[in-house]
C-alpha atoms as a PDB file:
ATOM      1  CA  UNK A   1     -87.447  54.529 192.440  1.00  0.00           C
ATOM      2  CA  UNK A   2     -86.426  51.640 191.537  1.00  0.00           C
ATOM      3  CA  UNK A   3     -88.275  49.654 188.798  1.00  0.00           C
ATOM      4  CA  UNK A   4     -89.350  47.022 191.429  1.00  0.00           C
ATOM      5  CA  UNK A   5     -91.032  49.839 193.455  1.00  0.00           C
ATOM      6  CA  UNK A   6     -92.397  51.583 190.789  1.00  0.00           C
ATOM      7  CA  UNK A   7     -94.063  48.215 189.338  1.00  0.00           C
ATOM      8  CA  UNK A   8     -95.420  47.759 192.415  1.00  0.00           C
ATOM      9  CA  UNK A   9     -96.917  51.000 192.902  1.00  0.00           C
ATOM     10  CA  UNK A  10     -98.254  51.206 189.353  1.00  0.00           C
ATOM     11  CA  UNK A  11     -99.796  47.560 189.928  1.00  0.00           C
ATOM     12  CA  UNK A  12    -103.347  48.434 191.513  1.00  0.00           C
ATOM     13  CA  UNK A  13    -103.966  51.239 189.288  1.00  0.00           C
ATOM     14  CA  UNK A  14    -103.247  48.966 186.361  1.00  0.00           C
ATOM     15  CA  UNK A  15    -105.546  46.031 187.982  1.00  0.00           C
ATOM     16  CA  UNK A  16    -108.386  48.805 189.023  1.00  0.00           C
ATOM     17  CA  UNK A  17    -108.206  49.787 185.352  1.00  0.00           C
ATOM     18  CA  UNK A  18    -108.578  46.285 183.942  1.00  0.00           C
ATOM     19  CA  UNK A  19    -111.709  45.402 186.351  1.00  0.00           C
ATOM     20  CA  UNK A  20    -113.204  48.590 185.763  1.00  0.00           C
ATOM     21  CA  UNK A  21    -112.909  47.527 181.968  1.00  0.00           C
ATOM     22  CA  UNK A  22    -113.782  44.144 182.462  1.00  0.00           C
ATOM     23  CA  UNK A  23    -117.050  45.235 184.597  1.00  0.00           C
ATOM     24  CA  UNK A  24    -118.145  47.775 181.570  1.00  0.00           C
ATOM     25  CA  UNK A  25    -117.925  45.185 179.177  1.00  0.00           C
ATOM     26  CA  UNK A  26    -120.022  42.662 181.129  1.00  0.00           C
ATOM     27  CA  UNK A  27    -122.616  45.453 181.734  1.00  0.00           C
ATOM     28  CA  UNK A  28    -122.680  46.247 177.769  1.00  0.00           C
ATOM     29  CA  UNK A  29    -123.029  42.400 177.045  1.00  0.00           C
ATOM     30  CA  UNK A  30    -125.639  42.396 179.449  1.00  0.00           C
ATOM     31  CA  UNK A  31    -127.706  45.235 178.067  1.00  0.00           C
ATOM     32  CA  UNK A  32    -127.113  43.778 174.340  1.00  0.00           C
ATOM     33  CA  UNK A  33    -128.622  40.161 175.320  1.00  0.00           C
ATOM     34  CA  UNK A  34    -131.460  41.413 177.194  1.00  0.00           C
ATOM     35  CA  UNK A  35    -132.267  43.882 174.627  1.00  0.00           C
ATOM     36  CA  UNK A  36    -131.953  41.263 171.783  1.00  0.00           C
ATOM     37  CA  UNK A  37    -134.011  39.015 173.566  1.00  0.00           C
ATOM     38  CA  UNK A  38    -136.642  41.473 174.295  1.00  0.00           C
ATOM     39  CA  UNK A  39    -136.660  42.484 170.831  1.00  0.00           C
ATOM     40  CA  UNK A  40    -137.419  39.172 169.254  1.00  0.00           C
ATOM     41  CA  UNK A  41    -140.238  38.521 171.729  1.00  0.00           C
ATOM     42  CA  UNK A  42    -141.750  41.730 170.831  1.00  0.00           C
ATOM     43  CA  UNK A  43    -141.077  41.413 166.883  1.00  0.00           C
ATOM     44  CA  UNK A  44    -142.671  37.852 166.644  1.00  0.00           C
ATOM     45  CA  UNK A  45    -145.140  38.184 169.448  1.00  0.00           C
ATOM     46  CA  UNK A  46    -143.479  35.229 171.330  1.00  0.00           C
ATOM     47  CA  UNK A  47    -144.951  35.710 174.877  1.00  0.00           C
ATOM     48  CA  UNK A  48    -148.209  37.196 175.657  1.00  0.00           C
ATOM     49  CA  UNK A  49    -150.146  38.069 178.942  1.00  0.00           C
ATOM     50  CA  UNK A  50    -150.962  35.125 180.972  1.00  0.00           C
ATOM     51  CA  UNK A  51    -148.797  32.584 179.339  1.00  0.00           C
ATOM     52  CA  UNK A  52    -146.733  29.732 180.811  1.00  0.00           C
ATOM     53  CA  UNK A  53    -143.544  29.276 179.542  1.00  0.00           C
ATOM     54  CA  UNK A  54    -141.711  25.955 179.279  1.00  0.00           C
ATOM     55  CA  UNK A  55    -138.162  26.823 179.336  1.00  0.00           C
ATOM     56  CA  UNK A  56    -136.348  23.361 178.059  1.00  0.00           C
ATOM     57  CA  UNK A  57    -133.198  23.491 180.041  1.00  0.00           C
ATOM     58  CA  UNK A  58    -130.362  20.917 178.920  1.00  0.00           C
ATOM     59  CA  UNK A  59    -127.715  21.749 181.244  1.00  0.00           C
ATOM     60  CA  UNK A  60    -125.706  23.540 178.184  1.00  0.00           C
ATOM     61  CA  UNK A  61    -124.882  27.484 177.894  1.00  0.00           C
ATOM     62  CA  UNK A  62    -127.489  28.156 175.588  1.00  0.00           C
ATOM     63  CA  UNK A  63    -130.576  27.038 177.793  1.00  0.00           C
ATOM     64  CA  UNK A  64    -129.016  28.201 180.724  1.00  0.00           C
ATOM     65  CA  UNK A  65    -128.516  31.776 179.244  1.00  0.00           C
ATOM     66  CA  UNK A  66    -132.199  31.715 177.886  1.00  0.00           C
ATOM     67  CA  UNK A  67    -133.757  30.890 181.381  1.00  0.00           C
ATOM     68  CA  UNK A  68    -131.516  33.379 182.866  1.00  0.00           C
ATOM     69  CA  UNK A  69    -132.373  36.344 180.622  1.00  0.00           C
ATOM     70  CA  UNK A  70    -136.058  35.534 180.892  1.00  0.00           C
ATOM     71  CA  UNK A  71    -136.263  35.335 184.548  1.00  0.00           C
ATOM     72  CA  UNK A  72    -134.829  38.742 184.564  1.00  0.00           C
ATOM     73  CA  UNK A  73    -137.072  40.188 181.748  1.00  0.00           C
ATOM     74  CA  UNK A  74    -140.172  38.774 183.699  1.00  0.00           C
ATOM     75  CA  UNK A  75    -139.569  41.210 186.629  1.00  0.00           C
ATOM     76  CA  UNK A  76    -139.782  44.145 184.279  1.00  0.00           C
ATOM     77  CA  UNK A  77    -142.188  42.968 181.602  1.00  0.00           C
ATOM     78  CA  UNK A  78    -145.209  44.925 180.895  1.00  0.00           C
ATOM     79  CA  UNK A  79    -147.213  41.892 180.809  1.00  0.00           C
ATOM     80  CA  UNK A  80    -147.432  38.805 183.187  1.00  0.00           C
ATOM     81  CA  UNK A  81    -146.097  35.181 182.464  1.00  0.00           C
ATOM     82  CA  UNK A  82    -144.938  32.305 184.398  1.00  0.00           C
ATOM     83  CA  UNK A  83    -141.905  30.133 183.989  1.00  0.00           C
ATOM     84  CA  UNK A  84    -141.270  26.572 184.428  1.00  0.00           C
ATOM     85  CA  UNK A  85    -138.096  25.018 183.611  1.00  0.00           C
ATOM     86  CA  UNK A  86    -138.219  21.239 182.298  1.00  0.00           C
ATOM     87  CA  UNK A  87    -135.100  19.090 181.907  1.00  0.00           C
ATOM     88  CA  UNK A  88    -135.170  15.863 179.925  1.00  0.00           C
ATOM     89  CA  UNK A  89    -133.155  13.249 182.181  1.00  0.00           C
ATOM     90  CA  UNK A  90    -132.290  10.828 179.087  1.00  0.00           C
ATOM     91  CA  UNK A  91    -130.289   8.451 181.434  1.00  0.00           C
ATOM     92  CA  UNK A  92    -127.078   8.751 179.887  1.00  0.00           C
ATOM     93  CA  UNK A  93    -124.450   6.878 181.824  1.00  0.00           C
ATOM     94  CA  UNK A  94    -122.693   9.567 184.393  1.00  0.00           C
ATOM     95  CA  UNK A  95    -125.234  12.071 184.283  1.00  0.00           C
ATOM     96  CA  UNK A  96    -124.955  14.289 187.091  1.00  0.00           C
ATOM     97  CA  UNK A  97    -128.549  14.173 188.324  1.00  0.00           C
ATOM     98  CA  UNK A  98    -128.110  16.603 191.283  1.00  0.00           C
ATOM     99  CA  UNK A  99    -126.596  19.731 189.283  1.00  0.00           C
ATOM    100  CA  UNK A 100    -130.023  21.041 187.670  1.00  0.00           C
ATOM    101  CA  UNK A 101    -132.245  20.581 190.748  1.00  0.00           C
ATOM    102  CA  UNK A 102    -129.679  22.444 193.023  1.00  0.00           C
ATOM    103  CA  UNK A 103    -129.034  25.295 190.419  1.00  0.00           C
ATOM    104  CA  UNK A 104    -132.894  25.653 189.670  1.00  0.00           C
ATOM    105  CA  UNK A 105    -133.797  25.679 193.297  1.00  0.00           C
ATOM    106  CA  UNK A 106    -131.006  28.596 193.923  1.00  0.00           C
ATOM    107  CA  UNK A 107    -132.790  30.697 191.126  1.00  0.00           C
ATOM    108  CA  UNK A 108    -136.152  29.906 193.025  1.00  0.00           C
ATOM    109  CA  UNK A 109    -137.880  28.991 189.525  1.00  0.00           C
ATOM    110  CA  UNK A 110    -140.621  26.236 189.098  1.00  0.00           C
ATOM    111  CA  UNK A 111    -139.087  23.177 187.743  1.00  0.00           C
ATOM    112  CA  UNK A 112    -139.784  19.700 186.527  1.00  0.00           C
ATOM    113  CA  UNK A 113    -137.262  16.857 185.953  1.00  0.00           C
ATOM    114  CA  UNK A 114    -138.768  14.309 183.431  1.00  0.00           C
ATOM    115  CA  UNK A 115    -136.881  10.932 183.466  1.00  0.00           C
ATOM    116  CA  UNK A 116    -137.116   8.776 180.209  1.00  0.00           C
ATOM    117  CA  UNK A 117    -134.265   6.266 179.290  1.00  0.00           C
ATOM    118  CA  UNK A 118    -134.057   7.562 175.519  1.00  0.00           C
ATOM    119  CA  UNK A 119    -130.382   6.812 175.798  1.00  0.00           C
ATOM    120  CA  UNK A 120    -130.696   2.954 175.626  1.00  0.00           C
ATOM    121  CA  UNK A 121    -133.193   3.441 172.594  1.00  0.00           C
ATOM    122  CA  UNK A 122    -130.787   5.423 170.703  1.00  0.00           C
ATOM    123  CA  UNK A 123    -127.867   3.119 171.327  1.00  0.00           C
ATOM    124  CA  UNK A 124    -129.892  -0.120 170.678  1.00  0.00           C
ATOM    125  CA  UNK A 125    -131.287   1.392 167.213  1.00  0.00           C
ATOM    126  CA  UNK A 126    -128.304   3.550 166.079  1.00  0.00           C
ATOM    127  CA  UNK A 127    -125.298   1.551 165.011  1.00  0.00           C
ATOM    128  CA  UNK A 128    -121.863   2.456 166.365  1.00  0.00           C
ATOM    129  CA  UNK A 129    -120.020   5.055 164.595  1.00  0.00           C
ATOM    130  CA  UNK A 130    -123.240   6.600 163.135  1.00  0.00           C
ATOM    131  CA  UNK A 131    -124.780  10.033 164.107  1.00  0.00           C
ATOM    132  CA  UNK A 132    -127.778   9.749 167.004  1.00  0.00           C
ATOM    133  CA  UNK A 133    -129.006  13.305 166.400  1.00  0.00           C
ATOM    134  CA  UNK A 134    -131.723  12.785 164.130  1.00  0.00           C
ATOM    135  CA  UNK A 135    -133.395   9.774 166.583  1.00  0.00           C
ATOM    136  CA  UNK A 136    -132.676  11.489 169.824  1.00  0.00           C
ATOM    137  CA  UNK A 137    -133.951  14.630 168.830  1.00  0.00           C
ATOM    138  CA  UNK A 138    -137.183  13.103 167.454  1.00  0.00           C
ATOM    139  CA  UNK A 139    -137.833  11.170 170.946  1.00  0.00           C
ATOM    140  CA  UNK A 140    -136.807  14.011 172.949  1.00  0.00           C
ATOM    141  CA  UNK A 141    -139.406  16.418 171.021  1.00  0.00           C
ATOM    142  CA  UNK A 142    -142.361  14.122 171.564  1.00  0.00           C
ATOM    143  CA  UNK A 143    -141.491  13.945 175.256  1.00  0.00           C
ATOM    144  CA  UNK A 144    -141.301  17.530 175.810  1.00  0.00           C
ATOM    145  CA  UNK A 145    -144.692  18.040 173.705  1.00  0.00           C
ATOM    146  CA  UNK A 146    -146.473  15.412 175.912  1.00  0.00           C
ATOM    147  CA  UNK A 147    -144.750  17.321 179.133  1.00  0.00           C
ATOM    148  CA  UNK A 148    -145.824  20.596 177.889  1.00  0.00           C
ATOM    149  CA  UNK A 149    -149.690  19.501 177.741  1.00  0.00           C
ATOM    150  CA  UNK A 150    -149.365  17.819 180.888  1.00  0.00           C
ATOM    151  CA  UNK A 151    -148.285  20.970 183.127  1.00  0.00           C
ATOM    152  CA  UNK A 152    -150.310  23.417 181.100  1.00  0.00           C
ATOM    153  CA  UNK A 153    -147.508  25.188 179.366  1.00  0.00           C
ATOM    154  CA  UNK A 154    -148.824  27.420 176.548  1.00  0.00           C
ATOM    155  CA  UNK A 155    -145.428  28.104 174.840  1.00  0.00           C
ATOM    156  CA  UNK A 156    -142.247  26.008 174.592  1.00  0.00           C
ATOM    157  CA  UNK A 157    -139.008  27.815 174.657  1.00  0.00           C
ATOM    158  CA  UNK A 158    -135.951  26.601 172.929  1.00  0.00           C
ATOM    159  CA  UNK A 159    -132.213  27.919 173.298  1.00  0.00           C
ATOM    160  CA  UNK A 160    -131.542  28.032 169.804  1.00  0.00           C
ATOM    161  CA  UNK A 161    -129.597  31.317 168.759  1.00  0.00           C
ATOM    162  CA  UNK A 162    -128.769  33.198 165.489  1.00  0.00           C
ATOM    163  CA  UNK A 163    -125.747  30.901 164.572  1.00  0.00           C
ATOM    164  CA  UNK A 164    -128.045  27.905 164.681  1.00  0.00           C
ATOM    165  CA  UNK A 165    -130.376  29.354 162.673  1.00  0.00           C
ATOM    166  CA  UNK A 166    -128.008  30.092 160.161  1.00  0.00           C
ATOM    167  CA  UNK A 167    -126.451  26.895 160.235  1.00  0.00           C
ATOM    168  CA  UNK A 168    -129.790  25.055 159.661  1.00  0.00           C
ATOM    169  CA  UNK A 169    -130.396  27.339 156.376  1.00  0.00           C
ATOM    170  CA  UNK A 170    -127.357  25.740 155.008  1.00  0.00           C
ATOM    171  CA  UNK A 171    -127.828  22.361 156.129  1.00  0.00           C
ATOM    172  CA  UNK A 172    -131.436  22.491 154.602  1.00  0.00           C
ATOM    173  CA  UNK A 173    -129.575  23.743 151.203  1.00  0.00           C
ATOM    174  CA  UNK A 174    -126.829  21.405 151.221  1.00  0.00           C
ATOM    175  CA  UNK A 175    -128.449  18.405 152.386  1.00  0.00           C
ATOM    176  CA  UNK A 176    -132.120  18.796 151.629  1.00  0.00           C
ATOM    177  CA  UNK A 177    -132.240  20.919 148.687  1.00  0.00           C
ATOM    178  CA  UNK A 178    -134.548  23.363 150.505  1.00  0.00           C
ATOM    179  CA  UNK A 179    -134.651  26.836 151.333  1.00  0.00           C
ATOM    180  CA  UNK A 180    -135.532  26.538 154.825  1.00  0.00           C
ATOM    181  CA  UNK A 181    -134.191  27.921 158.263  1.00  0.00           C
ATOM    182  CA  UNK A 182    -135.278  27.697 161.744  1.00  0.00           C
ATOM    183  CA  UNK A 183    -138.161  29.875 162.326  1.00  0.00           C
ATOM    184  CA  UNK A 184    -138.213  31.992 165.669  1.00  0.00           C
ATOM    185  CA  UNK A 185    -141.766  31.008 166.196  1.00  0.00           C
ATOM    186  CA  UNK A 186    -143.895  27.976 164.985  1.00  0.00           C
ATOM    187  CA  UNK A 187    -146.653  25.409 166.032  1.00  0.00           C
ATOM    188  CA  UNK A 188    -145.176  22.244 166.894  1.00  0.00           C
ATOM    189  CA  UNK A 189    -145.580  18.934 164.509  1.00  0.00           C
ATOM    190  CA  UNK A 190    -148.533  17.688 166.626  1.00  0.00           C
ATOM    191  CA  UNK A 191    -150.559  21.231 165.966  1.00  0.00           C
ATOM    192  CA  UNK A 192    -150.849  21.544 170.007  1.00  0.00           C
ATOM    193  CA  UNK A 193    -148.047  23.613 171.192  1.00  0.00           C
ATOM    194  CA  UNK A 194    -146.146  26.773 169.944  1.00  0.00           C
ATOM    195  CA  UNK A 195    -142.581  26.736 170.290  1.00  0.00           C
ATOM    196  CA  UNK A 196    -140.454  29.892 170.314  1.00  0.00           C
ATOM    197  CA  UNK A 197    -136.711  30.860 170.162  1.00  0.00           C
ATOM    198  CA  UNK A 198    -136.150  34.007 172.166  1.00  0.00           C
ATOM    199  CA  UNK A 199    -132.479  33.668 171.422  1.00  0.00           C
ATOM    200  CA  UNK A 200    -133.320  34.221 167.764  1.00  0.00           C
ATOM    201  CA  UNK A 201    -131.184  37.574 167.563  1.00  0.00           C
ATOM    202  CA  UNK A 202    -128.338  36.403 169.639  1.00  0.00           C
ATOM    203  CA  UNK A 203    -124.875  35.550 168.632  1.00  0.00           C
ATOM    204  CA  UNK A 204    -123.108  32.194 169.956  1.00  0.00           C
ATOM    205  CA  UNK A 205    -119.938  33.923 171.222  1.00  0.00           C
ATOM    206  CA  UNK A 206    -122.068  36.433 173.498  1.00  0.00           C
ATOM    207  CA  UNK A 207    -123.774  33.447 174.993  1.00  0.00           C
ATOM    208  CA  UNK A 208    -120.151  31.571 175.842  1.00  0.00           C
ATOM    209  CA  UNK A 209    -119.027  35.022 177.544  1.00  0.00           C
ATOM    210  CA  UNK A 210    -122.524  35.305 179.288  1.00  0.00           C
ATOM    211  CA  UNK A 211    -122.403  31.510 180.412  1.00  0.00           C
ATOM    212  CA  UNK A 212    -118.733  32.171 181.666  1.00  0.00           C
ATOM    213  CA  UNK A 213    -119.587  35.423 183.637  1.00  0.00           C
ATOM    214  CA  UNK A 214    -122.703  33.533 185.558  1.00  0.00           C
ATOM    215  CA  UNK A 215    -120.668  30.684 186.016  1.00  0.00           C
ATOM    216  CA  UNK A 216    -123.510  28.140 185.192  1.00  0.00           C
ATOM    217  CA  UNK A 217    -122.905  24.480 185.946  1.00  0.00           C
ATOM    218  CA  UNK A 218    -122.564  23.347 182.711  1.00  0.00           C
ATOM    219  CA  UNK A 219    -123.465  19.567 181.739  1.00  0.00           C
ATOM    220  CA  UNK A 220    -121.922  18.033 178.671  1.00  0.00           C
ATOM    221  CA  UNK A 221    -123.825  15.792 176.505  1.00  0.00           C
ATOM    222  CA  UNK A 222    -121.847  12.530 176.033  1.00  0.00           C
ATOM    223  CA  UNK A 223    -124.241  10.799 173.458  1.00  0.00           C
ATOM    224  CA  UNK A 224    -124.090  13.226 170.686  1.00  0.00           C
ATOM    225  CA  UNK A 225    -121.524  16.410 171.874  1.00  0.00           C
ATOM    226  CA  UNK A 226    -118.434  14.657 170.614  1.00  0.00           C
ATOM    227  CA  UNK A 227    -119.763  13.601 167.335  1.00  0.00           C
ATOM    228  CA  UNK A 228    -117.366  15.244 165.010  1.00  0.00           C
ATOM    229  CA  UNK A 229    -118.817  13.797 161.516  1.00  0.00           C
ATOM    230  CA  UNK A 230    -122.222  15.502 162.286  1.00  0.00           C
ATOM    231  CA  UNK A 231    -123.133  17.518 159.320  1.00  0.00           C
ATOM    232  CA  UNK A 232    -124.183  20.341 161.522  1.00  0.00           C
ATOM    233  CA  UNK A 233    -120.638  20.451 163.128  1.00  0.00           C
ATOM    234  CA  UNK A 234    -118.928  20.752 159.584  1.00  0.00           C
ATOM    235  CA  UNK A 235    -121.324  23.468 158.563  1.00  0.00           C
ATOM    236  CA  UNK A 236    -120.839  25.420 161.722  1.00  0.00           C
ATOM    237  CA  UNK A 237    -116.974  25.016 161.291  1.00  0.00           C
ATOM    238  CA  UNK A 238    -117.365  26.515 157.544  1.00  0.00           C
ATOM    239  CA  UNK A 239    -119.563  29.343 158.958  1.00  0.00           C
ATOM    240  CA  UNK A 240    -116.870  29.974 161.549  1.00  0.00           C
ATOM    241  CA  UNK A 241    -114.341  30.103 159.206  1.00  0.00           C
ATOM    242  CA  UNK A 242    -116.020  32.751 156.846  1.00  0.00           C
ATOM    243  CA  UNK A 243    -116.772  34.612 159.890  1.00  0.00           C
ATOM    244  CA  UNK A 244    -113.371  35.111 160.840  1.00  0.00           C
ATOM    245  CA  UNK A 245    -111.964  35.538 157.387  1.00  0.00           C
ATOM    246  CA  UNK A 246    -114.873  37.731 156.008  1.00  0.00           C
ATOM    247  CA  UNK A 247    -116.488  39.662 159.382  1.00  0.00           C
ATOM    248  CA  UNK A 248    -119.960  40.508 158.902  1.00  0.00           C
ATOM    249  CA  UNK A 249    -120.646  37.704 156.248  1.00  0.00           C
ATOM    250  CA  UNK A 250    -122.803  35.533 158.671  1.00  0.00           C
ATOM    251  CA  UNK A 251    -124.439  38.665 159.755  1.00  0.00           C
ATOM    252  CA  UNK A 252    -125.493  39.655 156.145  1.00  0.00           C
ATOM    253  CA  UNK A 253    -126.882  35.911 155.750  1.00  0.00           C
ATOM    254  CA  UNK A 254    -128.943  36.296 158.961  1.00  0.00           C
ATOM    255  CA  UNK A 255    -130.362  39.524 157.707  1.00  0.00           C
ATOM    256  CA  UNK A 256    -130.854  38.029 154.520  1.00  0.00           C
ATOM    257  CA  UNK A 257    -133.532  35.660 155.895  1.00  0.00           C
ATOM    258  CA  UNK A 258    -135.661  38.545 156.940  1.00  0.00           C
ATOM    259  CA  UNK A 259    -135.126  40.050 153.263  1.00  0.00           C
ATOM    260  CA  UNK A 260    -136.797  37.313 151.136  1.00  0.00           C
ATOM    261  CA  UNK A 261    -137.739  38.503 147.660  1.00  0.00           C
ATOM    262  CA  UNK A 262    -140.025  35.667 146.348  1.00  0.00           C
ATOM    263  CA  UNK A 263    -140.027  37.156 142.468  1.00  0.00           C
ATOM    264  CA  UNK A 264    -135.972  36.598 142.544  1.00  0.00           C
ATOM    265  CA  UNK A 265    -136.481  32.940 143.533  1.00  0.00           C
ATOM    266  CA  UNK A 266    -137.710  29.893 141.756  1.00  0.00           C
ATOM    267  CA  UNK A 267    -140.347  28.792 143.801  1.00  0.00           C
ATOM    268  CA  UNK A 268    -143.812  28.802 141.691  1.00  0.00           C
ATOM    269  CA  UNK A 269    -145.636  28.138 144.979  1.00  0.00           C
ATOM    270  CA  UNK A 270    -144.663  31.718 146.251  1.00  0.00           C
ATOM    271  CA  UNK A 271    -144.749  33.725 142.944  1.00  0.00           C
ATOM    272  CA  UNK A 272    -147.239  33.410 140.036  1.00  0.00           C
ATOM    273  CA  UNK A 273    -144.175  33.157 137.222  1.00  0.00           C
ATOM    274  CA  UNK A 274    -146.418  31.608 134.887  1.00  0.00           C
ATOM    275  CA  UNK A 275    -148.857  34.699 134.661  1.00  0.00           C
ATOM    276  CA  UNK A 276    -146.727  37.686 134.787  1.00  0.00           C
ATOM    277  CA  UNK A 277    -146.719  40.249 131.935  1.00  0.00           C
ATOM    278  CA  UNK A 278    -144.882  43.296 131.214  1.00  0.00           C
ATOM    279  CA  UNK A 279    -147.018  46.095 132.306  1.00  0.00           C
ATOM    280  CA  UNK A 280    -145.477  49.107 131.125  1.00  0.00           C
ATOM    281  CA  UNK A 281    -144.635  50.438 134.381  1.00  0.00           C
ATOM    282  CA  UNK A 282    -141.393  50.564 136.429  1.00  0.00           C
ATOM    283  CA  UNK A 283    -140.650  47.560 138.769  1.00  0.00           C
ATOM    284  CA  UNK A 284    -139.035  48.567 141.907  1.00  0.00           C
ATOM    285  CA  UNK A 285    -137.246  44.922 142.014  1.00  0.00           C
ATOM    286  CA  UNK A 286    -137.194  44.380 138.321  1.00  0.00           C
ATOM    287  CA  UNK A 287    -133.725  43.286 136.554  1.00  0.00           C
ATOM    288  CA  UNK A 288    -131.716  45.610 138.860  1.00  0.00           C
ATOM    289  CA  UNK A 289    -131.161  42.253 140.804  1.00  0.00           C
ATOM    290  CA  UNK A 290    -128.573  41.508 137.817  1.00  0.00           C
ATOM    291  CA  UNK A 291    -126.721  44.807 138.212  1.00  0.00           C
ATOM    292  CA  UNK A 292    -122.945  44.146 138.753  1.00  0.00           C
ATOM    293  CA  UNK A 293    -123.061  46.150 142.102  1.00  0.00           C
ATOM    294  CA  UNK A 294    -125.886  44.313 143.514  1.00  0.00           C
ATOM    295  CA  UNK A 295    -124.071  41.338 144.467  1.00  0.00           C
ATOM    296  CA  UNK A 296    -121.847  43.546 146.797  1.00  0.00           C
ATOM    297  CA  UNK A 297    -124.524  45.378 148.428  1.00  0.00           C
ATOM    298  CA  UNK A 298    -125.600  44.708 151.918  1.00  0.00           C
ATOM    299  CA  UNK A 299    -128.977  43.639 152.298  1.00  0.00           C
ATOM    300  CA  UNK A 300    -131.745  46.194 153.809  1.00  0.00           C
ATOM    301  CA  UNK A 301    -132.468  45.002 157.062  1.00  0.00           C
ATOM    302  CA  UNK A 302    -135.554  45.861 159.286  1.00  0.00           C
ATOM    303  CA  UNK A 303    -134.643  48.783 161.561  1.00  0.00           C
ATOM    304  CA  UNK A 304    -135.175  46.540 164.720  1.00  0.00           C
ATOM    305  CA  UNK A 305    -132.468  43.817 163.221  1.00  0.00           C
ATOM    306  CA  UNK A 306    -130.002  46.595 162.413  1.00  0.00           C
ATOM    307  CA  UNK A 307    -130.565  48.299 165.866  1.00  0.00           C
ATOM    308  CA  UNK A 308    -129.834  44.987 167.643  1.00  0.00           C
ATOM    309  CA  UNK A 309    -126.759  43.691 166.088  1.00  0.00           C
ATOM    310  CA  UNK A 310    -125.220  47.383 165.687  1.00  0.00           C
ATOM    311  CA  UNK A 311    -125.563  48.732 169.179  1.00  0.00           C
ATOM    312  CA  UNK A 312    -123.369  47.963 171.706  1.00  0.00           C
ATOM    313  CA  UNK A 313    -124.385  50.507 174.686  1.00  0.00           C
END
């Protein structure tokens, strides 16, 4: 048989094998994403029976994925809760107003489009070349909190993921001198809303793959998406570089946020350094923190976190 005929004969088999492999990978990804979101909801009691969850949908990969996964989990959850998707149309020039309503109708989910011209406010108040995210986020947050009350939502779900959480930790350390991250669940600034982040255990690369697979109609943010001078963009680039050169480092940093030892930090509000005395009894943490090999050890993660990030099937 000639090489050409041989190649033609083998091509279908190779193509079928590639298709099977791709389908297997997507199936594993789907299981992992749904398991991680379900585990985060359980670990932090994010959604309770009878909740009305307002899912904030911006048109980006993260919020699309969040809505998609919550819709699927709702169908098999042991509790009953409602979902309403909310988008804030900030009147950015060229914003395709029809894309989200068409998509949301196709998913059969209740939704609300809130129209508020925050774009003009931001452009008027922020000088050209300066970052807009701080003012934009404050305006957006206040509007979303109001909408949550108006529609009777008991939880506000945001699409921040694991990498956002680690990035925020470094932003606060570098520029705010605080050990403060992005919690998976909190009470809003106005004290009236509970904000949840069900993607807290999910890695961003997985969301990129899921968005491509699901073919979400992504809407880019022309207001802030291209600001390369953002501190968040720079910190994220640093973390991505670490992750490439030192696989597992970002994972360890994320896990460390669940393994805080107040006695080995310096916050006097969290630990009574002024009153500690030698007890004559062995201390589990003690000065072992200064052992040479301690710095090289992986932090002991909660069982649920280890399971989530190491399971592939």
